[in-house]
Amino acid sequence: MPIPARLSIVTLGVDDVARSVAFYDALGWPRCDSSTEEIAWFRLAGSYLGVFAHGSLAADAQLPAEPRAPFGGITMAINVETEQGVLDGLDAAVAAGGSLLKAAERADWGGLSGYFADPDAHPWEIAWNPFFPIDDQGDIEIT
């Protein structure tokens, strides 16, 4: 049986679960009732975000927790419906305790894009792409 082509959960290893919970709560992301002090779950469009202690997550995957590179080779992206949504999203992330990595810029593919980092330096892109329509559930369509 092949592996299904889907992404169910992204779990971020964080230094302080409570601090991360406060950040994602401040963004207004809905937290799941099954969240605990050790791991918190947030409902996303079509998937979930988990925040879990970095060392515990590394141990669960049987990977070394250190050394940690400033960039781990992955970014997460949030597509929004308008250009203004990019600007508003970046402002909201910074107001919630994140840091601005890249101010919103016109992209060569015709949209608008910028990056913020959560309190543990996980990079998130916020983008408006006129070629990736967003449905009523918040999912994009890439053809």
N, C-alpha and C. Protein backbone atom coordinates (compact mmCIF):
# COMPACT_ATOMS: atom_id res chain seq x y z
N MET A 1 0.84 -1.18 0.00
CA MET A 1 0.00 0.00 0.00
C MET A 1 0.88 1.24 0.00
N PRO A 2 0.67 2.18 -0.92
CA PRO A 2 1.49 3.40 -0.95
C PRO A 2 1.11 4.33 0.22
N ILE A 3 2.00 5.24 0.51
CA ILE A 3 1.74 6.24 1.55
C ILE A 3 0.80 7.29 0.97
N PRO A 4 -0.28 7.65 1.68
CA PRO A 4 -1.20 8.67 1.18
C PRO A 4 -0.50 10.02 1.02
N ALA A 5 -0.82 10.74 -0.02
CA ALA A 5 -0.24 12.07 -0.26
C ALA A 5 -1.07 13.11 0.50
N ARG A 6 -0.75 13.25 1.78
CA ARG A 6 -1.44 14.25 2.60
C ARG A 6 -0.53 14.67 3.74
N LEU A 7 -0.80 15.83 4.27
CA LEU A 7 -0.08 16.34 5.43
C LEU A 7 -1.11 16.53 6.54
N SER A 8 -1.03 15.73 7.57
CA SER A 8 -2.02 15.76 8.64
C SER A 8 -1.62 16.72 9.76
N ILE A 9 -0.36 16.64 10.18
CA ILE A 9 0.12 17.43 11.32
C ILE A 9 1.53 17.91 11.02
N VAL A 10 1.80 19.16 11.37
CA VAL A 10 3.17 19.69 11.44
C VAL A 10 3.42 19.97 12.91
N THR A 11 4.44 19.34 13.49
CA THR A 11 4.78 19.57 14.89
C THR A 11 6.09 20.33 14.96
N LEU A 12 6.07 21.45 15.64
CA LEU A 12 7.25 22.29 15.81
C LEU A 12 7.90 22.00 17.15
N GLY A 13 9.20 21.78 17.14
CA GLY A 13 9.96 21.65 18.38
C GLY A 13 10.24 23.04 18.91
N VAL A 14 9.84 23.31 20.15
CA VAL A 14 9.95 24.65 20.72
C VAL A 14 10.69 24.60 22.06
N ASP A 15 11.27 25.73 22.44
CA ASP A 15 11.99 25.81 23.71
C ASP A 15 11.04 25.96 24.90
N ASP A 16 9.90 26.59 24.69
CA ASP A 16 8.95 26.86 25.77
C ASP A 16 7.54 26.69 25.21
N VAL A 17 6.89 25.58 25.55
CA VAL A 17 5.56 25.28 25.01
C VAL A 17 4.57 26.38 25.37
N ALA A 18 4.58 26.84 26.63
CA ALA A 18 3.63 27.87 27.06
C ALA A 18 3.82 29.15 26.25
N ARG A 19 5.06 29.55 25.99
CA ARG A 19 5.32 30.75 25.20
C ARG A 19 4.79 30.58 23.77
N SER A 20 5.00 29.41 23.19
CA SER A 20 4.50 29.16 21.84
C SER A 20 2.98 29.14 21.80
N VAL A 21 2.37 28.54 22.81
CA VAL A 21 0.91 28.53 22.89
C VAL A 21 0.39 29.97 22.95
N ALA A 22 1.02 30.80 23.77
CA ALA A 22 0.59 32.20 23.88
C ALA A 22 0.71 32.91 22.53
N PHE A 23 1.78 32.63 21.78
CA PHE A 23 1.97 33.26 20.47
C PHE A 23 0.86 32.85 19.51
N TYR A 24 0.62 31.56 19.35
CA TYR A 24 -0.38 31.11 18.39
C TYR A 24 -1.80 31.45 18.87
N ASP A 25 -2.03 31.49 20.18
CA ASP A 25 -3.30 31.99 20.69
C ASP A 25 -3.49 33.45 20.29
N ALA A 26 -2.42 34.25 20.42
CA ALA A 26 -2.50 35.68 20.07
C ALA A 26 -2.79 35.89 18.59
N LEU A 27 -2.40 34.93 17.75
CA LEU A 27 -2.74 35.02 16.33
C LEU A 27 -4.20 34.67 16.08
N GLY A 28 -4.85 34.12 17.09
CA GLY A 28 -6.26 33.76 16.97
C GLY A 28 -6.49 32.38 16.41
N TRP A 29 -5.45 31.54 16.43
CA TRP A 29 -5.59 30.19 15.89
C TRP A 29 -6.33 29.32 16.91
N PRO A 30 -7.31 28.55 16.46
CA PRO A 30 -8.11 27.76 17.39
C PRO A 30 -7.32 26.58 17.98
N ARG A 31 -7.23 26.58 19.33
CA ARG A 31 -6.52 25.51 20.02
C ARG A 31 -7.49 24.36 20.30
N CYS A 32 -7.00 23.15 20.15
CA CYS A 32 -7.81 21.96 20.36
C CYS A 32 -7.92 21.65 21.84
N ASP A 33 -9.06 21.08 22.23
CA ASP A 33 -9.30 20.72 23.63
C ASP A 33 -8.31 19.69 24.15
N SER A 34 -7.75 18.87 23.28
CA SER A 34 -6.83 17.82 23.72
C SER A 34 -5.43 18.34 24.03
N SER A 35 -5.21 19.64 23.92
CA SER A 35 -3.91 20.23 24.25
C SER A 35 -3.60 20.04 25.73
N THR A 36 -2.30 19.86 26.02
CA THR A 36 -1.85 19.72 27.40
C THR A 36 -0.69 20.69 27.63
N GLU A 37 -0.10 20.65 28.82
CA GLU A 37 1.08 21.47 29.08
C GLU A 37 2.28 20.99 28.28
N GLU A 38 2.29 19.72 27.90
CA GLU A 38 3.42 19.14 27.17
C GLU A 38 3.32 19.34 25.65
N ILE A 39 2.10 19.31 25.12
CA ILE A 39 1.91 19.48 23.68
C ILE A 39 0.58 20.18 23.44
N ALA A 40 0.61 21.12 22.53
CA ALA A 40 -0.61 21.85 22.18
C ALA A 40 -0.90 21.66 20.70
N TRP A 41 -2.18 21.61 20.38
CA TRP A 41 -2.64 21.40 19.01
C TRP A 41 -3.47 22.59 18.57
N PHE A 42 -3.25 23.02 17.34
CA PHE A 42 -4.02 24.11 16.75
C PHE A 42 -4.63 23.62 15.45
N ARG A 43 -5.90 23.95 15.22
CA ARG A 43 -6.60 23.56 14.00
C ARG A 43 -6.23 24.51 12.89
N LEU A 44 -5.78 23.95 11.77
CA LEU A 44 -5.49 24.71 10.57
C LEU A 44 -6.47 24.28 9.47
N ALA A 45 -6.45 24.94 8.36
CA ALA A 45 -7.27 24.51 7.22
C ALA A 45 -6.71 23.18 6.72
N GLY A 46 -7.45 22.11 6.93
CA GLY A 46 -7.06 20.81 6.40
C GLY A 46 -5.99 20.06 7.16
N SER A 47 -5.48 20.60 8.26
CA SER A 47 -4.44 19.91 9.02
C SER A 47 -4.35 20.51 10.42
N TYR A 48 -3.32 20.12 11.17
CA TYR A 48 -3.11 20.61 12.52
C TYR A 48 -1.66 21.02 12.71
N LEU A 49 -1.45 21.97 13.64
CA LEU A 49 -0.12 22.37 14.06
C LEU A 49 0.04 21.93 15.50
N GLY A 50 1.15 21.26 15.80
CA GLY A 50 1.48 20.90 17.17
C GLY A 50 2.70 21.67 17.62
N VAL A 51 2.74 22.02 18.90
CA VAL A 51 3.96 22.58 19.49
C VAL A 51 4.33 21.68 20.66
N PHE A 52 5.60 21.24 20.67
CA PHE A 52 6.09 20.22 21.59
C PHE A 52 7.52 20.58 21.94
N ALA A 53 7.96 20.26 23.12
CA ALA A 53 9.33 20.58 23.53
C ALA A 53 10.34 20.04 22.52
N HIS A 54 11.29 20.87 22.15
CA HIS A 54 12.28 20.51 21.12
C HIS A 54 13.00 19.21 21.44
N GLY A 55 13.52 19.10 22.64
CA GLY A 55 14.25 17.88 23.00
C GLY A 55 13.38 16.64 22.98
N SER A 56 12.15 16.78 23.42
CA SER A 56 11.22 15.64 23.42
C SER A 56 10.85 15.23 22.00
N LEU A 57 10.67 16.21 21.13
CA LEU A 57 10.35 15.90 19.74
C LEU A 57 11.53 15.20 19.06
N ALA A 58 12.73 15.70 19.31
CA ALA A 58 13.93 15.06 18.74
C ALA A 58 14.06 13.62 19.24
N ALA A 59 13.84 13.42 20.53
CA ALA A 59 13.94 12.06 21.09
C ALA A 59 12.89 11.14 20.49
N ASP A 60 11.67 11.66 20.28
CA ASP A 60 10.60 10.85 19.70
C ASP A 60 10.98 10.38 18.30
N ALA A 61 11.67 11.23 17.54
CA ALA A 61 12.09 10.87 16.18
C ALA A 61 13.45 10.17 16.16
N GLN A 62 14.03 9.98 17.33
CA GLN A 62 15.36 9.38 17.47
C GLN A 62 16.41 10.15 16.67
N LEU A 63 16.38 11.48 16.87
CA LEU A 63 17.34 12.39 16.24
C LEU A 63 18.06 13.18 17.33
N PRO A 64 19.28 13.62 17.05
CA PRO A 64 19.97 14.45 18.05
C PRO A 64 19.29 15.81 18.17
N ALA A 65 19.17 16.30 19.39
CA ALA A 65 18.53 17.60 19.61
C ALA A 65 19.47 18.76 19.31
N GLU A 66 20.75 18.53 19.33
CA GLU A 66 21.74 19.58 19.09
C GLU A 66 22.78 19.07 18.11
N PRO A 67 23.48 19.88 17.39
CA PRO A 67 23.33 21.33 17.31
C PRO A 67 22.14 21.73 16.45
N ARG A 68 21.65 22.91 16.70
CA ARG A 68 20.50 23.44 15.95
C ARG A 68 20.99 24.50 14.98
N ALA A 69 20.64 24.36 13.73
CA ALA A 69 21.01 25.34 12.71
C ALA A 69 20.03 26.50 12.75
N PRO A 70 20.47 27.70 12.40
CA PRO A 70 19.55 28.84 12.35
C PRO A 70 18.40 28.62 11.35
N PHE A 71 18.68 27.88 10.29
CA PHE A 71 17.64 27.56 9.32
C PHE A 71 17.63 26.06 9.13
N GLY A 72 16.48 25.46 9.39
CA GLY A 72 16.36 24.01 9.33
C GLY A 72 15.99 23.45 7.97
N GLY A 73 15.90 24.31 6.94
CA GLY A 73 15.62 23.83 5.60
C GLY A 73 14.14 23.70 5.28
N ILE A 74 13.27 24.29 6.09
CA ILE A 74 11.83 24.22 5.82
C ILE A 74 11.17 25.54 6.23
N THR A 75 10.19 25.94 5.45
CA THR A 75 9.33 27.05 5.83
C THR A 75 7.88 26.59 5.71
N MET A 76 7.01 27.26 6.41
CA MET A 76 5.58 27.01 6.29
C MET A 76 4.98 28.25 5.64
N ALA A 77 3.93 28.06 4.87
CA ALA A 77 3.31 29.18 4.17
C ALA A 77 1.83 29.27 4.47
N ILE A 78 1.37 30.49 4.62
CA ILE A 78 -0.04 30.80 4.79
C ILE A 78 -0.44 31.64 3.60
N ASN A 79 -1.32 31.13 2.77
CA ASN A 79 -1.83 31.91 1.65
C ASN A 79 -3.08 32.65 2.10
N VAL A 80 -3.16 33.91 1.74
CA VAL A 80 -4.30 34.76 2.10
C VAL A 80 -4.99 35.26 0.84
N GLU A 81 -6.20 35.78 1.02
CA GLU A 81 -7.06 36.14 -0.09
C GLU A 81 -6.72 37.46 -0.76
N THR A 82 -5.99 38.35 -0.06
CA THR A 82 -5.72 39.68 -0.60
C THR A 82 -4.28 40.12 -0.29
N GLU A 83 -3.83 41.12 -1.02
CA GLU A 83 -2.52 41.71 -0.73
C GLU A 83 -2.52 42.31 0.67
N GLN A 84 -3.61 42.98 1.04
CA GLN A 84 -3.70 43.58 2.37
C GLN A 84 -3.60 42.52 3.46
N GLY A 85 -4.08 41.31 3.17
CA GLY A 85 -3.98 40.21 4.12
C GLY A 85 -2.54 39.86 4.45
N VAL A 86 -1.63 40.03 3.49
CA VAL A 86 -0.20 39.79 3.74
C VAL A 86 0.31 40.82 4.74
N LEU A 87 0.01 42.09 4.49
CA LEU A 87 0.48 43.16 5.38
C LEU A 87 -0.12 43.02 6.77
N ASP A 88 -1.43 42.75 6.84
CA ASP A 88 -2.09 42.59 8.13
C ASP A 88 -1.55 41.38 8.88
N GLY A 89 -1.30 40.30 8.17
CA GLY A 89 -0.78 39.09 8.80
C GLY A 89 0.61 39.29 9.38
N LEU A 90 1.48 39.95 8.64
CA LEU A 90 2.82 40.22 9.16
C LEU A 90 2.76 41.11 10.39
N ASP A 91 1.90 42.14 10.34
CA ASP A 91 1.74 43.02 11.51
C ASP A 91 1.23 42.24 12.71
N ALA A 92 0.26 41.36 12.50
CA ALA A 92 -0.31 40.57 13.60
C ALA A 92 0.73 39.64 14.21
N ALA A 93 1.56 39.03 13.37
CA ALA A 93 2.60 38.12 13.87
C ALA A 93 3.61 38.86 14.74
N VAL A 94 4.02 40.03 14.31
CA VAL A 94 4.98 40.83 15.08
C VAL A 94 4.33 41.29 16.39
N ALA A 95 3.07 41.74 16.32
CA ALA A 95 2.37 42.18 17.53
C ALA A 95 2.20 41.04 18.53
N ALA A 96 2.10 39.81 18.04
CA ALA A 96 1.93 38.65 18.92
C ALA A 96 3.24 38.17 19.53
N GLY A 97 4.38 38.74 19.11
CA GLY A 97 5.67 38.34 19.66
C GLY A 97 6.60 37.69 18.68
N GLY A 98 6.20 37.61 17.41
CA GLY A 98 7.08 37.08 16.38
C GLY A 98 8.04 38.15 15.89
N SER A 99 8.91 37.78 14.99
CA SER A 99 9.84 38.76 14.42
C SER A 99 9.69 38.77 12.90
N LEU A 100 9.85 39.95 12.33
CA LEU A 100 9.76 40.11 10.89
C LEU A 100 11.07 39.66 10.27
N LEU A 101 11.02 38.68 9.38
CA LEU A 101 12.21 38.22 8.68
C LEU A 101 12.37 38.94 7.35
N LYS A 102 11.26 39.15 6.66
CA LYS A 102 11.29 39.79 5.34
C LYS A 102 10.00 40.56 5.17
N ALA A 103 10.11 41.86 4.98
CA ALA A 103 8.92 42.68 4.76
C ALA A 103 8.23 42.24 3.47
N ALA A 104 6.95 42.53 3.35
CA ALA A 104 6.19 42.17 2.15
C ALA A 104 6.83 42.80 0.92
N GLU A 105 7.01 41.95 -0.09
CA GLU A 105 7.59 42.39 -1.36
C GLU A 105 6.81 41.81 -2.51
N ARG A 106 6.79 42.54 -3.60
CA ARG A 106 6.21 42.02 -4.84
C ARG A 106 7.10 40.87 -5.31
N ALA A 107 6.49 39.74 -5.61
CA ALA A 107 7.23 38.56 -6.04
C ALA A 107 7.29 38.50 -7.56
N ASP A 108 8.32 37.84 -8.08
CA ASP A 108 8.46 37.74 -9.54
C ASP A 108 7.34 36.92 -10.17
N TRP A 109 6.60 36.13 -9.37
CA TRP A 109 5.48 35.34 -9.89
C TRP A 109 4.17 36.12 -9.84
N GLY A 110 4.22 37.40 -9.45
CA GLY A 110 3.06 38.26 -9.54
C GLY A 110 2.28 38.50 -8.28
N GLY A 111 2.66 37.89 -7.18
CA GLY A 111 1.95 38.07 -5.93
C GLY A 111 2.71 38.96 -4.96
N LEU A 112 2.34 38.86 -3.70
CA LEU A 112 2.98 39.61 -2.62
C LEU A 112 3.31 38.62 -1.51
N SER A 113 4.51 38.74 -0.95
CA SER A 113 4.97 37.75 0.01
C SER A 113 5.90 38.39 1.04
N GLY A 114 5.82 37.91 2.28
CA GLY A 114 6.74 38.32 3.34
C GLY A 114 6.89 37.17 4.33
N TYR A 115 7.85 37.28 5.24
CA TYR A 115 8.13 36.22 6.20
C TYR A 115 8.21 36.77 7.62
N PHE A 116 7.70 35.96 8.56
CA PHE A 116 7.91 36.22 9.98
C PHE A 116 8.43 34.93 10.62
N ALA A 117 9.00 35.07 11.81
CA ALA A 117 9.42 33.91 12.59
C ALA A 117 8.64 33.90 13.89
N ASP A 118 8.25 32.70 14.33
CA ASP A 118 7.60 32.57 15.63
C ASP A 118 8.67 32.73 16.72
N PRO A 119 8.33 32.69 18.00
CA PRO A 119 9.32 32.90 19.05
C PRO A 119 10.49 31.90 19.06
N ASP A 120 10.35 30.76 18.37
CA ASP A 120 11.43 29.79 18.29
C ASP A 120 12.15 29.84 16.94
N ALA A 121 11.92 30.90 16.19
CA ALA A 121 12.58 31.16 14.90
C ALA A 121 12.11 30.25 13.77
N HIS A 122 10.94 29.61 13.92
CA HIS A 122 10.38 28.85 12.81
C HIS A 122 9.84 29.84 11.79
N PRO A 123 10.31 29.76 10.54
CA PRO A 123 9.89 30.75 9.54
C PRO A 123 8.55 30.42 8.88
N TRP A 124 7.71 31.43 8.81
CA TRP A 124 6.40 31.35 8.17
C TRP A 124 6.33 32.40 7.06
N GLU A 125 5.87 32.00 5.91
CA GLU A 125 5.62 32.95 4.83
C GLU A 125 4.13 33.27 4.83
N ILE A 126 3.81 34.53 4.58
CA ILE A 126 2.43 34.93 4.30
C ILE A 126 2.44 35.44 2.86
N ALA A 127 1.57 34.86 2.04
CA ALA A 127 1.59 35.19 0.61
C ALA A 127 0.18 35.36 0.05
N TRP A 128 0.07 36.29 -0.87
CA TRP A 128 -1.10 36.40 -1.73
C TRP A 128 -0.62 36.02 -3.12
N ASN A 129 -1.24 35.00 -3.68
CA ASN A 129 -0.86 34.53 -5.02
C ASN A 129 -2.13 34.52 -5.88
N PRO A 130 -2.18 35.37 -6.91
CA PRO A 130 -3.39 35.44 -7.72
C PRO A 130 -3.66 34.16 -8.50
N PHE A 131 -2.69 33.25 -8.56
CA PHE A 131 -2.84 32.02 -9.32
C PHE A 131 -3.19 30.81 -8.46
N PHE A 132 -3.28 30.99 -7.14
CA PHE A 132 -3.64 29.91 -6.20
C PHE A 132 -4.94 30.29 -5.50
N PRO A 133 -6.07 29.98 -6.10
CA PRO A 133 -7.35 30.34 -5.47
C PRO A 133 -7.54 29.62 -4.14
N ILE A 134 -8.25 30.29 -3.23
CA ILE A 134 -8.52 29.76 -1.89
C ILE A 134 -10.02 29.45 -1.82
N ASP A 135 -10.34 28.23 -1.39
CA ASP A 135 -11.75 27.84 -1.29
C ASP A 135 -12.34 28.25 0.07
N ASP A 136 -13.61 27.93 0.27
CA ASP A 136 -14.31 28.34 1.50
C ASP A 136 -13.73 27.70 2.76
N GLN A 137 -13.00 26.60 2.63
CA GLN A 137 -12.38 25.96 3.80
C GLN A 137 -10.97 26.50 4.06
N GLY A 138 -10.48 27.40 3.21
CA GLY A 138 -9.15 27.96 3.39
C GLY A 138 -8.06 27.19 2.69
N ASP A 139 -8.44 26.20 1.87
CA ASP A 139 -7.45 25.41 1.14
C ASP A 139 -7.16 26.06 -0.21
N ILE A 140 -5.91 25.97 -0.66
CA ILE A 140 -5.54 26.51 -1.96
C ILE A 140 -5.57 25.40 -3.02
N GLU A 141 -5.63 25.84 -4.25
CA GLU A 141 -5.59 24.91 -5.37
C GLU A 141 -4.38 25.26 -6.23
N ILE A 142 -3.45 24.32 -6.33
CA ILE A 142 -2.27 24.47 -7.20
C ILE A 142 -2.42 23.45 -8.31
N THR A 143 -2.45 23.94 -9.54
CA THR A 143 -2.60 23.01 -10.66
C THR A 143 -1.28 22.75 -11.35
